[in-house]
Amino acid sequence: MNSGLGRADWEKRSVMKIGHLIFAASCGIVLAAAALPALAAEARPWLCRSKPVFSSTSAMKYQVVNHSGSRWDLLLMQFEMGSAHDGYEIVASQELPAGAGQASGTLSPGRYFAVAMYRGAGGRWICPGYAEDRDRPTGAVSRICYGEDSPGCPVALTVLSGAPAGATSH
């Protein structure tokens, strides 16, 4: 007598195990796909290739203006060895609506990396194709122009020295 499973029972259990595996894998794929839009909604400026930098030994004030047809976010970061995001820590951010969006703030003395990102198709954050310090007004610490892909200046960040000491805007 055979005390084990018959061949038919064994085949039936094998098919059921394979079915459960396929079901579990499908669930994992669906969950991963559902998480992608959430990841796309988070700006990751430390991954942008171009990170213009400015610094001052005194407090600073800044103004950023968006003349483009896209929504932009300005993210100001400082480098701190060992911190998350490859060492870049976001210390201030400003949302700039499409059209005539503008914002301003103040920063403590230090060295800052300024990245502006725009919303692309599907709500994904995209690093600009153009970011350069140029056309700096007299007395300005920096004037950085950002564009989706050309050297225009639809988004401009102007940084001036002279903000009250110890003032910081986030």
N, C-alpha and C. Protein backbone atom coordinates (compact mmCIF):
# COMPACT_ATOMS: atom_id res chain seq x y z
N MET A 1 0.83 -1.18 0.00
CA MET A 1 0.00 0.00 0.00
C MET A 1 0.87 1.24 0.00
N ASN A 2 0.38 2.22 -0.66
CA ASN A 2 1.08 3.48 -0.75
C ASN A 2 0.47 4.44 0.26
N SER A 3 1.24 4.81 1.30
CA SER A 3 0.73 5.71 2.33
C SER A 3 0.86 7.17 1.91
N GLY A 4 1.58 7.46 0.83
CA GLY A 4 1.77 8.84 0.36
C GLY A 4 0.63 9.28 -0.55
N LEU A 5 0.82 10.39 -1.14
CA LEU A 5 -0.18 10.92 -2.06
C LEU A 5 -0.12 10.19 -3.38
N GLY A 6 -1.25 10.06 -4.00
CA GLY A 6 -1.28 9.49 -5.34
C GLY A 6 -0.77 10.51 -6.33
N ARG A 7 -0.43 10.06 -7.51
CA ARG A 7 0.12 10.94 -8.54
C ARG A 7 -0.84 12.07 -8.87
N ALA A 8 -2.12 11.79 -8.96
CA ALA A 8 -3.10 12.82 -9.29
C ALA A 8 -3.17 13.89 -8.19
N ASP A 9 -3.15 13.43 -6.93
CA ASP A 9 -3.18 14.39 -5.82
C ASP A 9 -1.91 15.25 -5.82
N TRP A 10 -0.78 14.64 -6.07
CA TRP A 10 0.48 15.35 -6.09
C TRP A 10 0.48 16.41 -7.19
N GLU A 11 0.00 16.06 -8.39
CA GLU A 11 -0.06 17.01 -9.50
C GLU A 11 -1.02 18.16 -9.18
N LYS A 12 -2.16 17.85 -8.54
CA LYS A 12 -3.13 18.86 -8.18
C LYS A 12 -2.52 19.86 -7.19
N ARG A 13 -1.79 19.37 -6.19
CA ARG A 13 -1.14 20.25 -5.21
C ARG A 13 -0.05 21.10 -5.86
N SER A 14 0.69 20.53 -6.78
CA SER A 14 1.73 21.28 -7.48
C SER A 14 1.13 22.42 -8.28
N VAL A 15 0.04 22.15 -8.97
CA VAL A 15 -0.64 23.18 -9.76
C VAL A 15 -1.15 24.28 -8.84
N MET A 16 -1.69 23.90 -7.68
CA MET A 16 -2.20 24.90 -6.73
C MET A 16 -1.05 25.76 -6.20
N LYS A 17 0.10 25.15 -5.92
CA LYS A 17 1.25 25.92 -5.42
C LYS A 17 1.72 26.91 -6.48
N ILE A 18 1.76 26.47 -7.73
CA ILE A 18 2.17 27.35 -8.82
C ILE A 18 1.16 28.49 -8.95
N GLY A 19 -0.12 28.18 -8.84
CA GLY A 19 -1.16 29.21 -8.91
C GLY A 19 -1.02 30.24 -7.81
N HIS A 20 -0.72 29.77 -6.59
CA HIS A 20 -0.51 30.70 -5.47
C HIS A 20 0.71 31.58 -5.70
N LEU A 21 1.77 30.99 -6.26
CA LEU A 21 2.97 31.77 -6.56
C LEU A 21 2.68 32.85 -7.59
N ILE A 22 1.97 32.49 -8.64
CA ILE A 22 1.63 33.46 -9.69
C ILE A 22 0.76 34.57 -9.09
N PHE A 23 -0.22 34.21 -8.25
CA PHE A 23 -1.07 35.20 -7.62
C PHE A 23 -0.26 36.15 -6.74
N ALA A 24 0.66 35.61 -5.94
CA ALA A 24 1.48 36.43 -5.05
C ALA A 24 2.37 37.37 -5.87
N ALA A 25 2.96 36.88 -6.94
CA ALA A 25 3.81 37.71 -7.79
C ALA A 25 2.99 38.82 -8.44
N SER A 26 1.79 38.49 -8.89
CA SER A 26 0.91 39.50 -9.50
C SER A 26 0.56 40.58 -8.51
N CYS A 27 0.26 40.20 -7.27
CA CYS A 27 -0.05 41.18 -6.23
C CYS A 27 1.14 42.10 -5.99
N GLY A 28 2.33 41.54 -5.96
CA GLY A 28 3.54 42.33 -5.76
C GLY A 28 3.75 43.33 -6.88
N ILE A 29 3.50 42.90 -8.12
CA ILE A 29 3.66 43.80 -9.27
C ILE A 29 2.64 44.93 -9.20
N VAL A 30 1.39 44.61 -8.87
CA VAL A 30 0.34 45.63 -8.77
C VAL A 30 0.69 46.64 -7.67
N LEU A 31 1.15 46.16 -6.52
CA LEU A 31 1.51 47.07 -5.43
C LEU A 31 2.70 47.96 -5.82
N ALA A 32 3.67 47.40 -6.50
CA ALA A 32 4.83 48.19 -6.93
C ALA A 32 4.40 49.25 -7.94
N ALA A 33 3.52 48.89 -8.87
CA ALA A 33 3.04 49.85 -9.86
C ALA A 33 2.23 50.95 -9.21
N ALA A 34 1.48 50.62 -8.19
CA ALA A 34 0.67 51.62 -7.48
C ALA A 34 1.57 52.59 -6.72
N ALA A 35 2.74 52.15 -6.30
CA ALA A 35 3.65 53.01 -5.55
C ALA A 35 4.40 53.98 -6.46
N LEU A 36 4.51 53.70 -7.77
CA LEU A 36 5.26 54.56 -8.67
C LEU A 36 4.72 55.98 -8.73
N PRO A 37 3.41 56.22 -8.84
CA PRO A 37 2.95 57.61 -8.83
C PRO A 37 3.32 58.33 -7.54
N ALA A 38 3.31 57.66 -6.43
CA ALA A 38 3.69 58.29 -5.17
C ALA A 38 5.16 58.69 -5.20
N LEU A 39 6.00 57.85 -5.77
CA LEU A 39 7.41 58.20 -5.89
C LEU A 39 7.61 59.36 -6.84
N ALA A 40 6.83 59.40 -7.93
CA ALA A 40 6.94 60.48 -8.90
C ALA A 40 6.54 61.81 -8.28
N ALA A 41 5.69 61.80 -7.28
CA ALA A 41 5.21 63.03 -6.66
C ALA A 41 6.25 63.67 -5.76
N GLU A 42 7.30 62.96 -5.42
CA GLU A 42 8.33 63.47 -4.52
C GLU A 42 9.50 64.01 -5.32
N ALA A 43 9.81 65.29 -5.11
CA ALA A 43 10.97 65.88 -5.79
C ALA A 43 12.25 65.32 -5.18
N ARG A 44 13.22 65.02 -6.01
CA ARG A 44 14.51 64.49 -5.55
C ARG A 44 15.65 65.31 -6.15
N PRO A 45 15.83 66.52 -5.65
CA PRO A 45 16.80 67.43 -6.26
C PRO A 45 18.24 66.96 -6.18
N TRP A 46 18.57 66.14 -5.21
CA TRP A 46 19.96 65.66 -5.07
C TRP A 46 20.36 64.77 -6.24
N LEU A 47 19.37 64.30 -7.04
CA LEU A 47 19.68 63.47 -8.20
C LEU A 47 19.94 64.29 -9.46
N CYS A 48 19.63 65.58 -9.43
CA CYS A 48 19.86 66.43 -10.60
C CYS A 48 21.35 66.59 -10.85
N ARG A 49 21.72 66.58 -12.10
CA ARG A 49 23.13 66.70 -12.48
C ARG A 49 23.67 68.09 -12.16
N SER A 50 22.88 69.12 -12.48
CA SER A 50 23.32 70.49 -12.28
C SER A 50 22.76 71.02 -10.96
N LYS A 51 23.67 71.40 -10.06
CA LYS A 51 23.30 71.96 -8.77
C LYS A 51 24.08 73.26 -8.57
N PRO A 52 23.59 74.38 -9.14
CA PRO A 52 24.32 75.64 -8.95
C PRO A 52 24.51 75.94 -7.47
N VAL A 53 25.63 76.55 -7.15
CA VAL A 53 25.98 76.80 -5.75
C VAL A 53 26.24 78.28 -5.54
N PHE A 54 25.88 78.77 -4.36
CA PHE A 54 26.21 80.13 -3.96
C PHE A 54 26.53 80.10 -2.46
N SER A 55 27.26 81.11 -2.00
CA SER A 55 27.61 81.16 -0.57
C SER A 55 27.87 82.59 -0.15
N SER A 56 27.76 82.80 1.16
CA SER A 56 28.06 84.11 1.74
C SER A 56 28.38 83.90 3.21
N THR A 57 29.23 84.78 3.73
CA THR A 57 29.55 84.73 5.16
C THR A 57 28.57 85.56 5.98
N SER A 58 27.63 86.21 5.29
CA SER A 58 26.58 86.96 6.00
C SER A 58 25.22 86.40 5.60
N ALA A 59 24.19 86.77 6.34
CA ALA A 59 22.83 86.32 6.03
C ALA A 59 22.44 86.82 4.63
N MET A 60 21.52 86.12 4.01
CA MET A 60 21.11 86.44 2.64
C MET A 60 19.59 86.48 2.53
N LYS A 61 19.11 87.19 1.53
CA LYS A 61 17.70 87.14 1.18
C LYS A 61 17.63 86.75 -0.29
N TYR A 62 16.55 86.04 -0.64
CA TYR A 62 16.42 85.59 -2.03
C TYR A 62 15.01 85.82 -2.53
N GLN A 63 14.91 85.93 -3.85
CA GLN A 63 13.62 86.01 -4.51
C GLN A 63 13.69 85.12 -5.74
N VAL A 64 12.64 84.36 -5.96
CA VAL A 64 12.57 83.49 -7.14
C VAL A 64 11.27 83.80 -7.86
N VAL A 65 11.36 83.91 -9.19
CA VAL A 65 10.22 84.27 -10.02
C VAL A 65 10.08 83.25 -11.14
N ASN A 66 8.83 82.82 -11.40
CA ASN A 66 8.53 81.84 -12.45
C ASN A 66 7.67 82.51 -13.52
N HIS A 67 8.24 82.67 -14.72
CA HIS A 67 7.50 83.23 -15.85
C HIS A 67 7.10 82.13 -16.84
N SER A 68 7.40 80.88 -16.52
CA SER A 68 7.13 79.79 -17.47
C SER A 68 5.69 79.30 -17.32
N GLY A 69 5.29 78.41 -18.20
CA GLY A 69 3.95 77.83 -18.16
C GLY A 69 3.87 76.56 -17.33
N SER A 70 4.95 76.22 -16.64
CA SER A 70 4.98 75.00 -15.81
C SER A 70 5.08 75.36 -14.33
N ARG A 71 4.67 74.43 -13.50
CA ARG A 71 4.84 74.59 -12.06
C ARG A 71 6.27 74.18 -11.70
N TRP A 72 6.95 74.99 -10.92
CA TRP A 72 8.32 74.72 -10.49
C TRP A 72 8.39 74.72 -8.97
N ASP A 73 9.36 74.02 -8.44
CA ASP A 73 9.71 74.07 -7.02
C ASP A 73 11.19 74.41 -6.93
N LEU A 74 11.50 75.38 -6.09
CA LEU A 74 12.90 75.71 -5.80
C LEU A 74 13.26 74.99 -4.52
N LEU A 75 14.37 74.27 -4.54
CA LEU A 75 14.84 73.53 -3.37
C LEU A 75 16.27 73.96 -3.07
N LEU A 76 16.48 74.49 -1.88
CA LEU A 76 17.81 74.92 -1.45
C LEU A 76 18.36 73.88 -0.49
N MET A 77 19.56 73.42 -0.79
CA MET A 77 20.15 72.32 -0.01
C MET A 77 21.52 72.73 0.50
N GLN A 78 21.92 72.09 1.60
CA GLN A 78 23.29 72.19 2.09
C GLN A 78 23.86 70.78 2.15
N PHE A 79 25.18 70.69 1.98
CA PHE A 79 25.83 69.39 2.03
C PHE A 79 26.25 69.11 3.46
N GLU A 80 25.82 67.96 3.97
CA GLU A 80 26.19 67.52 5.31
C GLU A 80 26.63 66.06 5.22
N MET A 81 27.93 65.85 5.32
CA MET A 81 28.49 64.51 5.19
C MET A 81 27.73 63.51 6.07
N GLY A 82 27.34 62.41 5.48
CA GLY A 82 26.68 61.35 6.22
C GLY A 82 25.17 61.49 6.32
N SER A 83 24.61 62.59 5.86
CA SER A 83 23.15 62.72 5.94
C SER A 83 22.52 61.98 4.76
N ALA A 84 21.22 61.84 4.83
CA ALA A 84 20.49 61.12 3.77
C ALA A 84 20.66 61.83 2.43
N HIS A 85 20.21 61.21 1.39
CA HIS A 85 20.19 61.79 0.04
C HIS A 85 21.58 62.18 -0.45
N ASP A 86 22.51 61.28 -0.35
CA ASP A 86 23.88 61.49 -0.82
C ASP A 86 24.56 62.68 -0.16
N GLY A 87 24.13 63.01 1.05
CA GLY A 87 24.74 64.10 1.80
C GLY A 87 24.03 65.43 1.65
N TYR A 88 23.04 65.52 0.78
CA TYR A 88 22.32 66.78 0.57
C TYR A 88 21.08 66.84 1.47
N GLU A 89 20.98 67.93 2.20
CA GLU A 89 19.85 68.14 3.10
C GLU A 89 19.07 69.35 2.61
N ILE A 90 17.77 69.19 2.35
CA ILE A 90 16.94 70.31 1.91
C ILE A 90 16.69 71.20 3.12
N VAL A 91 17.06 72.49 3.01
CA VAL A 91 16.89 73.42 4.12
C VAL A 91 15.81 74.46 3.86
N ALA A 92 15.40 74.62 2.61
CA ALA A 92 14.31 75.55 2.27
C ALA A 92 13.73 75.13 0.93
N SER A 93 12.43 75.35 0.77
CA SER A 93 11.80 75.06 -0.52
C SER A 93 10.68 76.06 -0.76
N GLN A 94 10.44 76.34 -2.03
CA GLN A 94 9.40 77.27 -2.43
C GLN A 94 8.65 76.70 -3.62
N GLU A 95 7.33 76.69 -3.55
CA GLU A 95 6.49 76.25 -4.67
C GLU A 95 6.18 77.47 -5.53
N LEU A 96 6.33 77.31 -6.85
CA LEU A 96 6.11 78.41 -7.79
C LEU A 96 5.06 78.00 -8.81
N PRO A 97 3.83 78.52 -8.67
CA PRO A 97 2.79 78.19 -9.65
C PRO A 97 3.17 78.65 -11.05
N ALA A 98 2.57 78.04 -12.06
CA ALA A 98 2.83 78.43 -13.45
C ALA A 98 2.42 79.89 -13.64
N GLY A 99 3.08 80.55 -14.58
CA GLY A 99 2.74 81.94 -14.88
C GLY A 99 3.61 82.89 -14.10
N ALA A 100 3.02 83.64 -13.20
CA ALA A 100 3.75 84.67 -12.47
C ALA A 100 3.99 84.28 -11.02
N GLY A 101 4.29 83.03 -10.76
CA GLY A 101 4.57 82.60 -9.39
C GLY A 101 5.86 83.20 -8.89
N GLN A 102 5.86 83.65 -7.65
CA GLN A 102 7.09 84.17 -7.06
C GLN A 102 7.08 83.91 -5.56
N ALA A 103 8.27 83.88 -5.00
CA ALA A 103 8.42 83.64 -3.57
C ALA A 103 9.73 84.28 -3.12
N SER A 104 9.85 84.49 -1.82
CA SER A 104 11.08 85.04 -1.28
C SER A 104 11.31 84.48 0.11
N GLY A 105 12.52 84.68 0.60
CA GLY A 105 12.86 84.18 1.92
C GLY A 105 14.24 84.66 2.32
N THR A 106 14.69 84.21 3.46
CA THR A 106 16.01 84.56 3.97
C THR A 106 16.77 83.28 4.32
N LEU A 107 18.08 83.40 4.29
CA LEU A 107 18.95 82.26 4.59
C LEU A 107 20.06 82.71 5.53
N SER A 108 20.47 81.82 6.40
CA SER A 108 21.62 82.06 7.26
C SER A 108 22.89 82.01 6.43
N PRO A 109 23.98 82.56 6.94
CA PRO A 109 25.25 82.46 6.21
C PRO A 109 25.59 81.00 5.92
N GLY A 110 26.21 80.75 4.79
CA GLY A 110 26.61 79.38 4.45
C GLY A 110 26.67 79.16 2.96
N ARG A 111 26.84 77.91 2.60
CA ARG A 111 26.95 77.47 1.21
C ARG A 111 25.69 76.68 0.85
N TYR A 112 25.04 77.06 -0.24
CA TYR A 112 23.77 76.45 -0.64
C TYR A 112 23.83 75.96 -2.08
N PHE A 113 23.19 74.84 -2.32
CA PHE A 113 23.00 74.30 -3.66
C PHE A 113 21.55 74.59 -4.03
N ALA A 114 21.33 75.23 -5.17
CA ALA A 114 19.99 75.67 -5.57
C ALA A 114 19.52 74.86 -6.77
N VAL A 115 18.49 74.06 -6.56
CA VAL A 115 17.93 73.25 -7.64
C VAL A 115 16.47 73.61 -7.81
N ALA A 116 16.07 73.89 -9.02
CA ALA A 116 14.67 74.12 -9.34
C ALA A 116 14.23 72.97 -10.24
N MET A 117 13.07 72.40 -9.94
CA MET A 117 12.54 71.28 -10.73
C MET A 117 11.13 71.62 -11.18
N TYR A 118 10.76 71.13 -12.38
CA TYR A 118 9.42 71.42 -12.88
C TYR A 118 8.61 70.14 -13.03
N ARG A 119 7.28 70.32 -13.05
CA ARG A 119 6.36 69.19 -13.21
C ARG A 119 6.24 68.88 -14.69
N GLY A 120 6.51 67.63 -15.03
CA GLY A 120 6.38 67.18 -16.40
C GLY A 120 5.11 66.36 -16.57
N ALA A 121 5.04 65.66 -17.68
CA ALA A 121 3.89 64.80 -17.99
C ALA A 121 3.72 63.76 -16.90
N GLY A 122 2.50 63.50 -16.53
CA GLY A 122 2.22 62.50 -15.51
C GLY A 122 2.55 62.96 -14.11
N GLY A 123 2.84 64.24 -13.92
CA GLY A 123 3.12 64.76 -12.59
C GLY A 123 4.52 64.46 -12.09
N ARG A 124 5.39 64.01 -12.95
CA ARG A 124 6.76 63.68 -12.53
C ARG A 124 7.60 64.95 -12.41
N TRP A 125 8.49 64.95 -11.41
CA TRP A 125 9.42 66.05 -11.25
C TRP A 125 10.59 65.85 -12.19
N ILE A 126 10.98 66.90 -12.89
CA ILE A 126 12.05 66.82 -13.88
C ILE A 126 13.11 67.87 -13.57
N CYS A 127 14.37 67.43 -13.63
CA CYS A 127 15.49 68.36 -13.46
C CYS A 127 15.57 69.24 -14.70
N PRO A 128 15.92 70.50 -14.53
CA PRO A 128 15.98 71.39 -15.70
C PRO A 128 17.14 71.02 -16.62
N GLY A 129 16.93 71.26 -17.90
CA GLY A 129 18.00 71.05 -18.87
C GLY A 129 19.01 72.18 -18.84
N TYR A 130 18.62 73.30 -18.22
CA TYR A 130 19.49 74.46 -18.15
C TYR A 130 19.43 75.07 -16.75
N ALA A 131 20.57 75.31 -16.16
CA ALA A 131 20.68 75.99 -14.86
C ALA A 131 22.06 76.63 -14.81
N GLU A 132 22.09 77.97 -14.76
CA GLU A 132 23.38 78.66 -14.79
C GLU A 132 23.30 79.99 -14.05
N ASP A 133 24.39 80.33 -13.35
CA ASP A 133 24.51 81.62 -12.69
C ASP A 133 24.93 82.62 -13.77
N ARG A 134 24.07 83.62 -14.04
CA ARG A 134 24.38 84.59 -15.09
C ARG A 134 23.64 85.90 -14.87
N ASP A 135 24.07 86.93 -15.57
CA ASP A 135 23.43 88.25 -15.54
C ASP A 135 23.22 88.73 -14.11
N ARG A 136 24.24 88.56 -13.28
CA ARG A 136 24.16 88.91 -11.87
C ARG A 136 24.11 90.43 -11.69
N PRO A 137 23.05 90.94 -11.03
CA PRO A 137 22.99 92.39 -10.78
C PRO A 137 24.11 92.82 -9.82
N THR A 138 24.47 94.08 -9.88
CA THR A 138 25.49 94.62 -8.98
C THR A 138 25.07 94.38 -7.53
N GLY A 139 25.97 93.84 -6.74
CA GLY A 139 25.72 93.60 -5.33
C GLY A 139 25.04 92.28 -5.03
N ALA A 140 24.64 91.53 -6.04
CA ALA A 140 23.97 90.24 -5.81
C ALA A 140 25.00 89.15 -5.53
N VAL A 141 24.65 88.24 -4.65
CA VAL A 141 25.49 87.07 -4.39
C VAL A 141 25.41 86.13 -5.58
N SER A 142 24.21 85.99 -6.16
CA SER A 142 24.00 85.07 -7.27
C SER A 142 22.70 85.41 -8.00
N ARG A 143 22.64 85.08 -9.28
CA ARG A 143 21.40 85.11 -10.04
C ARG A 143 21.42 83.88 -10.94
N ILE A 144 20.60 82.92 -10.60
CA ILE A 144 20.60 81.65 -11.32
C ILE A 144 19.36 81.57 -12.19
N CYS A 145 19.58 81.27 -13.47
CA CYS A 145 18.49 81.11 -14.42
C CYS A 145 18.26 79.61 -14.66
N TYR A 146 16.99 79.23 -14.71
CA TYR A 146 16.61 77.84 -14.96
C TYR A 146 15.68 77.80 -16.17
N GLY A 147 15.84 76.76 -16.98
CA GLY A 147 14.95 76.53 -18.11
C GLY A 147 14.76 75.05 -18.33
N GLU A 148 13.61 74.69 -18.89
CA GLU A 148 13.35 73.26 -19.11
C GLU A 148 14.42 72.64 -20.00
N ASP A 149 14.80 73.35 -21.08
CA ASP A 149 15.81 72.77 -21.97
C ASP A 149 16.59 73.81 -22.76
N SER A 150 16.42 75.08 -22.48
CA SER A 150 17.15 76.10 -23.24
C SER A 150 17.73 77.15 -22.30
N PRO A 151 18.68 77.93 -22.81
CA PRO A 151 19.34 78.91 -21.96
C PRO A 151 18.54 80.20 -21.74
N GLY A 152 17.23 80.15 -21.85
CA GLY A 152 16.41 81.30 -21.50
C GLY A 152 16.42 81.46 -19.99
N CYS A 153 15.55 82.30 -19.48
CA CYS A 153 15.50 82.49 -18.04
C CYS A 153 14.05 82.58 -17.56
N PRO A 154 13.25 81.53 -17.84
CA PRO A 154 11.85 81.58 -17.39
C PRO A 154 11.70 81.51 -15.87
N VAL A 155 12.69 80.94 -15.19
CA VAL A 155 12.70 80.90 -13.73
C VAL A 155 14.04 81.49 -13.28
N ALA A 156 13.95 82.53 -12.43
CA ALA A 156 15.18 83.20 -11.99
C ALA A 156 15.21 83.30 -10.47
N LEU A 157 16.34 82.91 -9.91
CA LEU A 157 16.61 83.02 -8.48
C LEU A 157 17.66 84.11 -8.29
N THR A 158 17.32 85.14 -7.52
CA THR A 158 18.27 86.21 -7.22
C THR A 158 18.54 86.19 -5.71
N VAL A 159 19.82 86.12 -5.35
CA VAL A 159 20.24 86.06 -3.95
C VAL A 159 21.03 87.33 -3.64
N LEU A 160 20.63 88.02 -2.58
CA LEU A 160 21.30 89.25 -2.15
C LEU A 160 21.82 89.08 -0.74
N SER A 161 22.94 89.71 -0.43
CA SER A 161 23.41 89.68 0.96
C SER A 161 22.70 90.79 1.72
N GLY A 162 22.71 90.64 3.04
CA GLY A 162 22.15 91.72 3.84
C GLY A 162 20.87 91.42 4.57
N ALA A 163 20.44 90.17 4.62
CA ALA A 163 19.25 89.84 5.42
C ALA A 163 19.64 89.96 6.89
N PRO A 164 18.68 90.22 7.77
CA PRO A 164 19.02 90.32 9.21
C PRO A 164 19.73 89.06 9.71
N ALA A 165 20.72 89.20 10.54
CA ALA A 165 21.49 88.07 11.06
C ALA A 165 20.58 87.08 11.79
N GLY A 166 20.81 85.80 11.54
CA GLY A 166 20.06 84.75 12.22
C GLY A 166 18.70 84.47 11.61
N ALA A 167 18.32 85.20 10.57
CA ALA A 167 17.01 84.99 9.95
C ALA A 167 17.09 83.83 8.97
N THR A 168 16.14 82.96 9.04
CA THR A 168 16.09 81.84 8.11
C THR A 168 14.63 81.58 7.77
N SER A 169 14.35 81.41 6.50
CA SER A 169 12.99 81.09 6.05
C SER A 169 13.00 79.72 5.42
N HIS A 170 12.05 78.91 5.78
CA HIS A 170 11.94 77.58 5.18
C HIS A 170 10.64 77.54 4.47
